[in-house]
C-alpha atoms as a PDB file:
ATOM      1  CA  MET A   1       6.363  32.824 -20.408  1.00  0.00           C
ATOM      2  CA  ASN A   2       4.943  32.450 -16.526  1.00  0.00           C
ATOM      3  CA  LYS A   3       2.936  29.156 -18.027  1.00  0.00           C
ATOM      4  CA  LEU A   4       5.432  27.670 -19.632  1.00  0.00           C
ATOM      5  CA  LEU A   5       7.633  28.292 -15.948  1.00  0.00           C
ATOM      6  CA  VAL A   6       4.994  26.889 -13.921  1.00  0.00           C
ATOM      7  CA  VAL A   7       4.484  23.772 -15.980  1.00  0.00           C
ATOM      8  CA  SER A   8       7.980  23.200 -15.772  1.00  0.00           C
ATOM      9  CA  LEU A   9       7.955  23.091 -12.118  1.00  0.00           C
ATOM     10  CA  ALA A  10       4.997  21.407 -11.442  1.00  0.00           C
ATOM     11  CA  THR A  11       6.506  18.678 -13.468  1.00  0.00           C
ATOM     12  CA  PHE A  12       9.789  19.181 -11.421  1.00  0.00           C
ATOM     13  CA  LEU A  13       7.805  18.755  -8.606  1.00  0.00           C
ATOM     14  CA  ALA A  14       6.167  15.409  -9.805  1.00  0.00           C
ATOM     15  CA  VAL A  15       9.205  13.635 -11.386  1.00  0.00           C
ATOM     16  CA  THR A  16      11.035  14.151  -7.711  1.00  0.00           C
ATOM     17  CA  ALA A  17       8.302  13.591  -5.489  1.00  0.00           C
ATOM     18  CA  GLN A  18       8.017  10.319  -7.509  1.00  0.00           C
ATOM     19  CA  SER A  19      12.191   9.500  -7.318  1.00  0.00           C
ATOM     20  CA  ALA A  20      11.534  10.395  -3.379  1.00  0.00           C
ATOM     21  CA  ARG A  21       8.866   7.535  -3.458  1.00  0.00           C
ATOM     22  CA  SER A  22      11.123   4.690  -5.393  1.00  0.00           C
ATOM     23  CA  ASP A  23      13.423   5.152  -2.322  1.00  0.00           C
ATOM     24  CA  GLU A  24      11.403   4.155   0.071  1.00  0.00           C
ATOM     25  CA  PRO A  25      10.783   1.025   1.521  1.00  0.00           C
ATOM     26  CA  ILE A  26       8.016  -0.993   0.094  1.00  0.00           C
ATOM     27  CA  VAL A  27       5.289  -2.804   1.735  1.00  0.00           C
ATOM     28  CA  LEU A  28       4.232  -5.794   0.329  1.00  0.00           C
ATOM     29  CA  SER A  29       0.635  -7.695  -0.012  1.00  0.00           C
ATOM     30  CA  GLN A  30      -0.847 -10.119   1.078  1.00  0.00           C
ATOM     31  CA  ALA A  31      -0.718 -11.333  -2.807  1.00  0.00           C
ATOM     32  CA  GLU A  32       3.122 -10.184  -2.841  1.00  0.00           C
ATOM     33  CA  LEU A  33       4.072 -12.708   0.421  1.00  0.00           C
ATOM     34  CA  GLY A  34       1.741 -15.292  -0.838  1.00  0.00           C
ATOM     35  CA  GLU A  35       4.060 -15.079  -3.754  1.00  0.00           C
ATOM     36  CA  LEU A  36       7.380 -15.221  -2.033  1.00  0.00           C
ATOM     37  CA  PHE A  37       6.348 -18.008   0.692  1.00  0.00           C
ATOM     38  CA  PRO A  38       7.564 -20.810   1.015  1.00  0.00           C
ATOM     39  CA  GLY A  39      11.144 -20.658   0.174  1.00  0.00           C
ATOM     40  CA  LYS A  40      14.551 -20.716   1.748  1.00  0.00           C
ATOM     41  CA  PHE A  41      15.830 -17.748   3.289  1.00  0.00           C
ATOM     42  CA  HIS A  42      19.299 -15.999   4.548  1.00  0.00           C
ATOM     43  CA  ALA A  43      18.176 -14.622   7.684  1.00  0.00           C
ATOM     44  CA  VAL A  44      19.422 -11.366  10.005  1.00  0.00           C
ATOM     45  CA  VAL A  45      18.535 -10.967  12.910  1.00  0.00           C
ATOM     46  CA  ASN A  46      18.885  -8.155  15.054  1.00  0.00           C
ATOM     47  CA  SER A  47      22.097  -6.809  12.767  1.00  0.00           C
ATOM     48  CA  MET A  48      23.965  -9.495  14.449  1.00  0.00           C
ATOM     49  CA  VAL A  49      23.138 -12.835  14.026  1.00  0.00           C
ATOM     50  CA  THR A  50      22.741 -14.863  10.708  1.00  0.00           C
ATOM     51  CA  LEU A  51      20.912 -18.366   9.981  1.00  0.00           C
ATOM     52  CA  ASP A  52      18.857 -20.011   7.401  1.00  0.00           C
ATOM     53  CA  ILE A  53      15.450 -20.829   7.068  1.00  0.00           C
ATOM     54  CA  SER A  54      13.265 -23.078   4.922  1.00  0.00           C
ATOM     55  CA  ALA A  55       9.568 -21.650   5.218  1.00  0.00           C
ATOM     56  CA  LYS A  56       7.874 -24.918   3.305  1.00  0.00           C
ATOM     57  CA  ARG A  57       4.251 -24.614   1.646  1.00  0.00           C
ATOM     58  CA  ASP A  58       2.636 -27.226   4.813  1.00  0.00           C
ATOM     59  CA  GLY A  59       3.360 -23.935   7.013  1.00  0.00           C
ATOM     60  CA  VAL A  60       6.773 -25.202   8.368  1.00  0.00           C
ATOM     61  CA  LEU A  61       9.735 -23.410   9.154  1.00  0.00           C
ATOM     62  CA  VAL A  62      13.331 -24.634   9.888  1.00  0.00           C
ATOM     63  CA  GLY A  63      15.734 -22.269  10.607  1.00  0.00           C
ATOM     64  CA  GLN A  64      19.941 -23.210  10.858  1.00  0.00           C
ATOM     65  CA  MET A  65      22.618 -21.163  12.571  1.00  0.00           C
ATOM     66  CA  ALA A  66      25.834 -22.122  13.674  1.00  0.00           C
ATOM     67  CA  GLY A  67      25.377 -24.954  16.026  1.00  0.00           C
ATOM     68  CA  ASP A  68      21.399 -24.540  16.880  1.00  0.00           C
ATOM     69  CA  SER A  69      18.593 -24.916  14.562  1.00  0.00           C
ATOM     70  CA  ASP A  70      14.630 -25.163  15.653  1.00  0.00           C
ATOM     71  CA  GLN A  71      11.105 -25.359  13.572  1.00  0.00           C
ATOM     72  CA  GLY A  72       7.784 -23.607  14.112  1.00  0.00           C
ATOM     73  CA  ARG A  73       5.505 -21.994  11.927  1.00  0.00           C
ATOM     74  CA  TRP A  74       4.813 -19.528   9.281  1.00  0.00           C
ATOM     75  CA  SER A  75       1.865 -17.890   8.375  1.00  0.00           C
ATOM     76  CA  LEU A  76       0.116 -15.297   6.565  1.00  0.00           C
ATOM     77  CA  LYS A  77      -2.457 -12.376   8.072  1.00  0.00           C
ATOM     78  CA  GLY A  78      -3.942  -9.866   6.549  1.00  0.00           C
ATOM     79  CA  ASN A  79      -0.818  -8.550   5.033  1.00  0.00           C
ATOM     80  CA  LYS A  80       1.464  -9.310   7.765  1.00  0.00           C
ATOM     81  CA  LEU A  81       4.064 -12.573   7.942  1.00  0.00           C
ATOM     82  CA  CYS A  82       4.099 -14.501  11.774  1.00  0.00           C
ATOM     83  CA  VAL A  83       6.072 -16.504  12.476  1.00  0.00           C
ATOM     84  CA  VAL A  84       6.360 -18.302  16.387  1.00  0.00           C
ATOM     85  CA  TRP A  85       9.287 -20.503  16.519  1.00  0.00           C
ATOM     86  CA  SER A  86       9.699 -23.675  19.339  1.00  0.00           C
ATOM     87  CA  SER A  87      12.076 -22.719  21.313  1.00  0.00           C
ATOM     88  CA  TRP A  88      13.464 -18.895  19.403  1.00  0.00           C
ATOM     89  CA  MET A  89      11.622 -15.863  21.076  1.00  0.00           C
ATOM     90  CA  ASP A  90      10.793 -17.453  23.293  1.00  0.00           C
ATOM     91  CA  GLY A  91       7.972 -19.493  21.529  1.00  0.00           C
ATOM     92  CA  LYS A  92       6.053 -15.979  21.084  1.00  0.00           C
ATOM     93  CA  VAL A  93       4.327 -15.039  18.080  1.00  0.00           C
ATOM     94  CA  SER A  94       5.464 -12.357  16.307  1.00  0.00           C
ATOM     95  CA  CYS A  95       3.420 -10.804  13.478  1.00  0.00           C
ATOM     96  CA  SER A  96       4.802  -8.259  11.158  1.00  0.00           C
ATOM     97  CA  ARG A  97       4.536  -6.179   8.230  1.00  0.00           C
ATOM     98  CA  VAL A  98       7.109  -6.909   5.610  1.00  0.00           C
ATOM     99  CA  LYS A  99       9.022  -3.952   3.774  1.00  0.00           C
ATOM    100  CA  GLU A 100      11.174  -4.465   0.840  1.00  0.00           C
ATOM    101  CA  ALA A 101      14.854  -2.293   0.361  1.00  0.00           C
ATOM    102  CA  ASP A 102      17.854  -2.526  -1.278  1.00  0.00           C
ATOM    103  CA  GLY A 103      17.665  -6.153  -2.138  1.00  0.00           C
ATOM    104  CA  TRP A 104      16.489  -7.549   1.205  1.00  0.00           C
ATOM    105  CA  TYR A 105      13.464  -7.284   3.091  1.00  0.00           C
ATOM    106  CA  HIS A 106      12.270  -6.741   6.236  1.00  0.00           C
ATOM    107  CA  GLY A 107       9.955  -7.185   9.391  1.00  0.00           C
ATOM    108  CA  ILE A 108      10.105  -6.008  12.920  1.00  0.00           C
ATOM    109  CA  GLY A 109      13.672  -6.983  13.847  1.00  0.00           C
ATOM    110  CA  VAL A 110      15.080  -9.198  10.852  1.00  0.00           C
ATOM    111  CA  LYS A 111      15.961  -8.560   7.634  1.00  0.00           C
ATOM    112  CA  PHE A 112      16.113 -11.302   4.994  1.00  0.00           C
ATOM    113  CA  ARG A 113      16.644 -12.490   1.211  1.00  0.00           C
ATOM    114  CA  LYS A 114      15.777 -15.119  -0.954  1.00  0.00           C
ATOM    115  CA  ILE A 115      18.447 -17.276  -1.485  1.00  0.00           C
END
């Protein structure tokens, strides 16, 4: 009887651990990022500013938000997405890993989804 209890407890713990892992954000690999980009996206920056982004096959970015637009470049460096805008973000390159959670992709200070 003790052996059955130990096996049942081990099975329960394994299933519980797997369920907990499935709720955690998934970090996209370089291959998964390559499938996601290029594309068109709706983004929310710092939970406040919304914009639409077109990431073209040649690495060009076009962003549009209420009354403003900018162009830039995107690239993949290993398993990180790198973005630079001509004027937004003071023209600085930002690279981050991308996590998928709740139907959104999350980078540093931004969440986005494909449209």
